[in-house]
């Protein structure tokens, strides 16, 4: 099907982004010229990082990302295919656990709370 890209936008800089007539071109250039060199910060007006292109991957794969602290960290990725089937939870858990195992972490399903 193609590729998709993860971009983080810093909301404090939305005013700069709105005024920047070249912002779309900057995103385009960061994605198309950044293969193998991501993340790439995008500047606008007086801010050097109003947005960051984090990564690009094939739509048939999954990427596990951790967002916070003004950025996103790519923890790892898994192969698969996209499906809207709600029963794919088990497969996604396996992919996430394979990635998180490297960090000494594991995904577990929270127990259902009993309704009183």
N, C-alpha and C. Protein backbone atom coordinates (compact mmCIF):
# COMPACT_ATOMS: atom_id res chain seq x y z
N UNK A 1 0.82 -1.19 0.00
CA UNK A 1 0.00 0.00 0.00
C UNK A 1 0.86 1.25 0.00
N UNK A 2 1.97 1.26 0.75
CA UNK A 2 2.78 2.47 0.80
C UNK A 2 3.48 2.61 2.13
N UNK A 3 3.81 3.83 2.45
CA UNK A 3 4.51 4.14 3.68
C UNK A 3 3.75 5.20 4.46
N UNK A 4 4.02 5.28 5.74
CA UNK A 4 3.45 6.33 6.58
C UNK A 4 4.54 6.86 7.49
N UNK A 5 4.34 8.08 7.96
CA UNK A 5 5.36 8.78 8.74
C UNK A 5 4.76 9.30 10.02
N UNK A 6 5.52 9.21 11.10
CA UNK A 6 5.11 9.75 12.39
C UNK A 6 5.78 11.10 12.58
N UNK A 7 4.95 12.10 12.88
CA UNK A 7 5.44 13.47 13.09
C UNK A 7 4.88 13.97 14.42
N UNK A 8 5.71 14.61 15.23
CA UNK A 8 5.23 15.25 16.45
C UNK A 8 5.20 16.75 16.21
N UNK A 9 4.09 17.37 16.59
CA UNK A 9 3.92 18.82 16.49
C UNK A 9 3.92 19.39 17.90
N UNK A 10 4.69 20.42 18.14
CA UNK A 10 4.71 21.07 19.45
C UNK A 10 3.63 22.16 19.47
N UNK A 11 2.59 21.91 20.23
CA UNK A 11 1.43 22.80 20.26
C UNK A 11 1.77 24.24 20.63
N UNK A 12 2.80 24.45 21.43
CA UNK A 12 3.21 25.81 21.78
C UNK A 12 3.63 26.60 20.56
N UNK A 13 3.96 25.93 19.49
CA UNK A 13 4.46 26.57 18.27
C UNK A 13 3.41 26.66 17.16
N UNK A 14 2.16 26.36 17.46
CA UNK A 14 1.13 26.37 16.43
C UNK A 14 1.00 27.73 15.74
N UNK A 15 1.21 28.81 16.47
CA UNK A 15 1.15 30.14 15.87
C UNK A 15 2.22 30.31 14.80
N UNK A 16 3.45 29.84 15.08
CA UNK A 16 4.53 29.91 14.09
C UNK A 16 4.20 29.04 12.87
N UNK A 17 3.67 27.86 13.13
CA UNK A 17 3.33 26.94 12.04
C UNK A 17 2.24 27.57 11.15
N UNK A 18 1.26 28.16 11.76
CA UNK A 18 0.15 28.76 11.00
C UNK A 18 0.63 29.85 10.05
N UNK A 19 1.62 30.62 10.48
CA UNK A 19 2.13 31.72 9.66
C UNK A 19 3.14 31.26 8.60
N UNK A 20 3.65 30.05 8.74
CA UNK A 20 4.72 29.56 7.87
C UNK A 20 4.15 28.97 6.58
N UNK A 21 4.24 29.71 5.49
CA UNK A 21 3.72 29.26 4.20
C UNK A 21 4.55 28.10 3.61
N UNK A 22 5.73 27.86 4.15
CA UNK A 22 6.61 26.80 3.67
C UNK A 22 6.56 25.54 4.53
N UNK A 23 5.68 25.51 5.52
CA UNK A 23 5.67 24.39 6.47
C UNK A 23 5.40 23.05 5.77
N UNK A 24 4.45 23.01 4.87
CA UNK A 24 4.16 21.78 4.13
C UNK A 24 5.36 21.28 3.36
N UNK A 25 6.08 22.21 2.73
CA UNK A 25 7.29 21.84 1.99
C UNK A 25 8.36 21.30 2.93
N UNK A 26 8.47 21.91 4.11
CA UNK A 26 9.46 21.45 5.09
C UNK A 26 9.15 20.02 5.55
N UNK A 27 7.87 19.72 5.77
CA UNK A 27 7.48 18.35 6.14
C UNK A 27 7.83 17.41 4.98
N UNK A 28 7.44 17.80 3.77
CA UNK A 28 7.73 16.99 2.58
C UNK A 28 9.22 16.69 2.47
N UNK A 29 10.04 17.72 2.59
CA UNK A 29 11.49 17.54 2.44
C UNK A 29 12.07 16.66 3.55
N UNK A 30 11.58 16.84 4.78
CA UNK A 30 12.09 16.03 5.89
C UNK A 30 11.77 14.55 5.68
N UNK A 31 10.56 14.28 5.18
CA UNK A 31 10.16 12.88 4.97
C UNK A 31 10.90 12.28 3.79
N UNK A 32 10.94 12.97 2.66
CA UNK A 32 11.50 12.38 1.44
C UNK A 32 13.03 12.37 1.44
N UNK A 33 13.64 13.29 2.14
CA UNK A 33 15.11 13.35 2.15
C UNK A 33 15.72 12.78 3.42
N UNK A 34 14.86 12.36 4.36
CA UNK A 34 15.35 11.94 5.66
C UNK A 34 15.50 10.46 5.88
N UNK A 35 15.26 9.63 4.84
CA UNK A 35 15.35 8.19 5.02
C UNK A 35 16.68 7.81 5.65
N UNK A 36 16.62 7.11 6.76
CA UNK A 36 17.82 6.66 7.44
C UNK A 36 18.48 7.72 8.31
N UNK A 37 17.92 8.92 8.33
CA UNK A 37 18.53 10.00 9.10
C UNK A 37 17.52 10.66 10.05
N UNK A 38 16.49 9.94 10.44
CA UNK A 38 15.47 10.50 11.30
C UNK A 38 15.83 10.21 12.75
N UNK A 39 15.42 11.03 13.68
CA UNK A 39 14.46 12.13 13.59
C UNK A 39 15.06 13.39 12.99
N UNK A 40 14.18 14.20 12.41
CA UNK A 40 14.58 15.47 11.80
C UNK A 40 13.71 16.58 12.37
N UNK A 41 14.34 17.58 12.97
CA UNK A 41 13.61 18.75 13.48
C UNK A 41 13.27 19.69 12.34
N UNK A 42 12.08 20.28 12.43
CA UNK A 42 11.62 21.24 11.43
C UNK A 42 11.49 22.59 12.12
N UNK A 43 12.09 23.62 11.52
CA UNK A 43 12.05 24.96 12.10
C UNK A 43 10.95 25.79 11.45
N UNK A 44 10.58 26.85 12.16
CA UNK A 44 9.59 27.78 11.65
C UNK A 44 9.73 29.07 12.44
N UNK A 45 9.79 30.18 11.74
CA UNK A 45 9.94 31.49 12.37
C UNK A 45 11.17 31.46 13.28
N UNK A 46 10.99 31.71 14.57
CA UNK A 46 12.17 31.76 15.45
C UNK A 46 12.37 30.46 16.23
N UNK A 47 11.56 29.46 15.98
CA UNK A 47 11.70 28.19 16.69
C UNK A 47 12.38 27.16 15.80
N UNK A 48 13.38 26.48 16.34
CA UNK A 48 14.13 25.52 15.52
C UNK A 48 13.47 24.15 15.48
N UNK A 49 12.51 23.88 16.37
CA UNK A 49 11.88 22.55 16.34
C UNK A 49 10.38 22.63 16.65
N UNK A 50 9.64 23.24 15.74
CA UNK A 50 8.18 23.30 15.90
C UNK A 50 7.56 21.92 15.65
N UNK A 51 8.28 21.09 14.91
CA UNK A 51 7.83 19.73 14.63
C UNK A 51 9.05 18.85 14.43
N UNK A 52 8.86 17.56 14.61
CA UNK A 52 9.93 16.60 14.36
C UNK A 52 9.35 15.41 13.60
N UNK A 53 9.99 15.07 12.48
CA UNK A 53 9.65 13.85 11.76
C UNK A 53 10.40 12.74 12.48
N UNK A 54 9.64 11.82 13.05
CA UNK A 54 10.21 10.79 13.91
C UNK A 54 10.72 9.59 13.11
N UNK A 55 9.86 9.05 12.25
CA UNK A 55 10.22 7.84 11.52
C UNK A 55 9.22 7.62 10.40
N UNK A 56 9.59 6.78 9.45
CA UNK A 56 8.69 6.33 8.39
C UNK A 56 8.79 4.82 8.31
N UNK A 57 7.67 4.19 8.01
CA UNK A 57 7.67 2.73 7.89
C UNK A 57 6.57 2.30 6.92
N UNK A 58 6.69 1.09 6.44
CA UNK A 58 5.69 0.53 5.54
C UNK A 58 4.39 0.33 6.32
N UNK A 59 3.27 0.59 5.67
CA UNK A 59 1.98 0.51 6.36
C UNK A 59 1.65 -0.89 6.85
N UNK A 60 2.31 -1.91 6.33
CA UNK A 60 2.04 -3.26 6.78
C UNK A 60 2.78 -3.61 8.07
N UNK A 61 3.64 -2.72 8.53
CA UNK A 61 4.37 -2.97 9.77
C UNK A 61 3.79 -2.15 10.90
N UNK A 62 4.26 -2.43 12.09
CA UNK A 62 3.84 -1.70 13.29
C UNK A 62 5.08 -1.10 13.92
N UNK A 63 4.94 0.09 14.50
CA UNK A 63 6.03 0.74 15.20
C UNK A 63 5.55 1.05 16.61
N UNK A 64 6.36 0.69 17.60
CA UNK A 64 6.04 0.97 18.98
C UNK A 64 6.79 2.22 19.39
N UNK A 65 6.04 3.28 19.73
CA UNK A 65 6.60 4.57 20.06
C UNK A 65 6.23 4.96 21.49
N UNK A 66 7.12 5.69 22.14
CA UNK A 66 6.87 6.20 23.48
C UNK A 66 6.92 7.71 23.41
N UNK A 67 5.78 8.36 23.66
CA UNK A 67 5.69 9.82 23.54
C UNK A 67 5.75 10.46 24.92
N UNK A 68 6.47 11.58 25.01
CA UNK A 68 6.55 12.34 26.25
C UNK A 68 7.80 13.20 26.25
N UNK A 69 7.81 14.16 27.12
CA UNK A 69 8.99 15.01 27.25
C UNK A 69 9.27 15.82 26.00
N UNK A 70 8.24 16.11 25.21
CA UNK A 70 8.42 16.92 24.03
C UNK A 70 8.97 16.18 22.83
N UNK A 71 8.98 14.86 22.89
CA UNK A 71 9.48 14.09 21.76
C UNK A 71 8.83 12.71 21.75
N UNK A 72 9.22 11.90 20.80
CA UNK A 72 8.77 10.51 20.72
C UNK A 72 10.01 9.66 20.50
N UNK A 73 10.08 8.54 21.21
CA UNK A 73 11.17 7.61 21.04
C UNK A 73 10.64 6.37 20.34
N UNK A 74 11.33 5.95 19.30
CA UNK A 74 10.99 4.70 18.62
C UNK A 74 11.63 3.56 19.38
N UNK A 75 10.79 2.72 19.98
CA UNK A 75 11.29 1.60 20.76
C UNK A 75 11.63 0.41 19.87
N UNK A 76 10.85 0.23 18.82
CA UNK A 76 11.09 -0.90 17.93
C UNK A 76 9.94 -1.05 16.96
N UNK A 77 9.98 -2.14 16.19
CA UNK A 77 8.93 -2.35 15.20
C UNK A 77 8.65 -3.84 15.05
N UNK A 78 7.53 -4.12 14.43
CA UNK A 78 7.13 -5.50 14.17
C UNK A 78 6.52 -5.59 12.80
N UNK A 79 6.59 -6.75 12.22
CA UNK A 79 6.00 -6.97 10.90
C UNK A 79 4.58 -7.47 11.08
N UNK A 80 3.77 -7.22 10.12
CA UNK A 80 2.39 -7.67 10.17
C UNK A 80 1.65 -7.09 8.99
N UNK A 81 0.37 -7.11 9.06
CA UNK A 81 -0.45 -6.49 8.04
C UNK A 81 -1.58 -5.76 8.73
N UNK A 82 -2.05 -4.71 8.14
CA UNK A 82 -3.09 -3.90 8.74
C UNK A 82 -4.43 -4.57 8.57
N UNK A 83 -5.18 -4.59 9.63
CA UNK A 83 -6.53 -5.14 9.59
C UNK A 83 -7.35 -4.42 10.64
N UNK A 84 -8.61 -4.21 10.35
CA UNK A 84 -9.50 -3.59 11.33
C UNK A 84 -10.18 -4.64 12.21
N UNK A 85 -9.74 -5.87 12.09
CA UNK A 85 -10.32 -6.96 12.86
C UNK A 85 -10.01 -6.76 14.35
N UNK A 86 -11.03 -6.61 15.19
CA UNK A 86 -10.79 -6.38 16.62
C UNK A 86 -10.15 -7.58 17.32
N UNK A 87 -10.16 -8.74 16.69
CA UNK A 87 -9.55 -9.92 17.28
C UNK A 87 -8.04 -9.97 17.11
N UNK A 88 -7.45 -8.93 16.54
CA UNK A 88 -6.00 -8.90 16.33
C UNK A 88 -5.24 -8.48 17.57
N UNK A 89 -5.95 -8.26 18.67
CA UNK A 89 -5.31 -7.82 19.91
C UNK A 89 -4.18 -8.75 20.31
N UNK A 90 -4.39 -10.05 20.18
CA UNK A 90 -3.37 -11.03 20.57
C UNK A 90 -2.11 -10.85 19.74
N UNK A 91 -2.25 -10.68 18.41
CA UNK A 91 -1.09 -10.49 17.54
C UNK A 91 -0.34 -9.20 17.89
N UNK A 92 -1.08 -8.13 18.15
CA UNK A 92 -0.45 -6.87 18.52
C UNK A 92 0.27 -6.99 19.85
N UNK A 93 -0.29 -7.75 20.78
CA UNK A 93 0.38 -7.97 22.06
C UNK A 93 1.70 -8.71 21.86
N UNK A 94 1.72 -9.69 20.98
CA UNK A 94 2.95 -10.43 20.70
C UNK A 94 4.01 -9.49 20.12
N UNK A 95 3.61 -8.65 19.15
CA UNK A 95 4.56 -7.69 18.56
C UNK A 95 5.10 -6.75 19.63
N UNK A 96 4.21 -6.19 20.45
CA UNK A 96 4.64 -5.26 21.50
C UNK A 96 5.55 -5.94 22.49
N UNK A 97 5.21 -7.16 22.90
CA UNK A 97 6.06 -7.88 23.85
C UNK A 97 7.43 -8.18 23.27
N UNK A 98 7.50 -8.52 21.99
CA UNK A 98 8.80 -8.78 21.36
C UNK A 98 9.69 -7.54 21.40
N UNK A 99 9.10 -6.38 21.15
CA UNK A 99 9.86 -5.13 21.19
C UNK A 99 10.24 -4.78 22.62
N UNK A 100 9.27 -4.84 23.53
CA UNK A 100 9.50 -4.42 24.91
C UNK A 100 10.43 -5.35 25.69
N UNK A 101 10.52 -6.60 25.26
CA UNK A 101 11.40 -7.56 25.93
C UNK A 101 12.83 -7.03 26.02
N UNK A 102 13.25 -6.30 24.99
CA UNK A 102 14.60 -5.73 24.98
C UNK A 102 14.80 -4.72 26.11
N UNK A 103 13.70 -4.14 26.62
CA UNK A 103 13.76 -3.16 27.70
C UNK A 103 13.40 -3.77 29.05
N UNK A 104 13.22 -5.08 29.08
CA UNK A 104 12.85 -5.75 30.32
C UNK A 104 11.40 -5.52 30.70
N UNK A 105 10.55 -5.20 29.72
CA UNK A 105 9.15 -4.91 29.96
C UNK A 105 8.26 -5.92 29.26
N UNK A 106 7.00 -5.98 29.68
CA UNK A 106 6.04 -6.89 29.06
C UNK A 106 4.66 -6.26 29.11
N UNK A 107 3.89 -6.44 28.05
CA UNK A 107 2.51 -5.97 28.01
C UNK A 107 1.63 -7.02 28.67
N UNK A 108 0.79 -6.57 29.59
CA UNK A 108 -0.19 -7.48 30.19
C UNK A 108 -1.55 -6.82 30.09
N UNK A 109 -2.56 -7.63 29.99
CA UNK A 109 -3.93 -7.13 29.90
C UNK A 109 -4.43 -6.88 31.32
N UNK A 110 -4.94 -5.68 31.56
CA UNK A 110 -5.45 -5.34 32.87
C UNK A 110 -6.69 -6.19 33.17
N UNK A 111 -6.83 -6.64 34.41
CA UNK A 111 -8.02 -7.42 34.74
C UNK A 111 -9.26 -6.52 34.70
N UNK A 112 -10.38 -7.13 34.33
CA UNK A 112 -11.64 -6.37 34.29
C UNK A 112 -12.06 -6.06 35.71
N UNK A 113 -12.52 -4.83 35.92
CA UNK A 113 -12.99 -4.44 37.24
C UNK A 113 -14.39 -5.00 37.46
N UNK A 114 -14.60 -5.50 38.66
CA UNK A 114 -15.91 -6.04 39.01
C UNK A 114 -16.88 -4.89 39.26
N UNK A 115 -18.06 -5.00 38.69
CA UNK A 115 -19.10 -4.00 38.88
C UNK A 115 -19.90 -4.37 40.10
N UNK A 116 -20.06 -3.42 41.02
CA UNK A 116 -20.80 -3.70 42.26
C UNK A 116 -22.25 -3.38 42.10
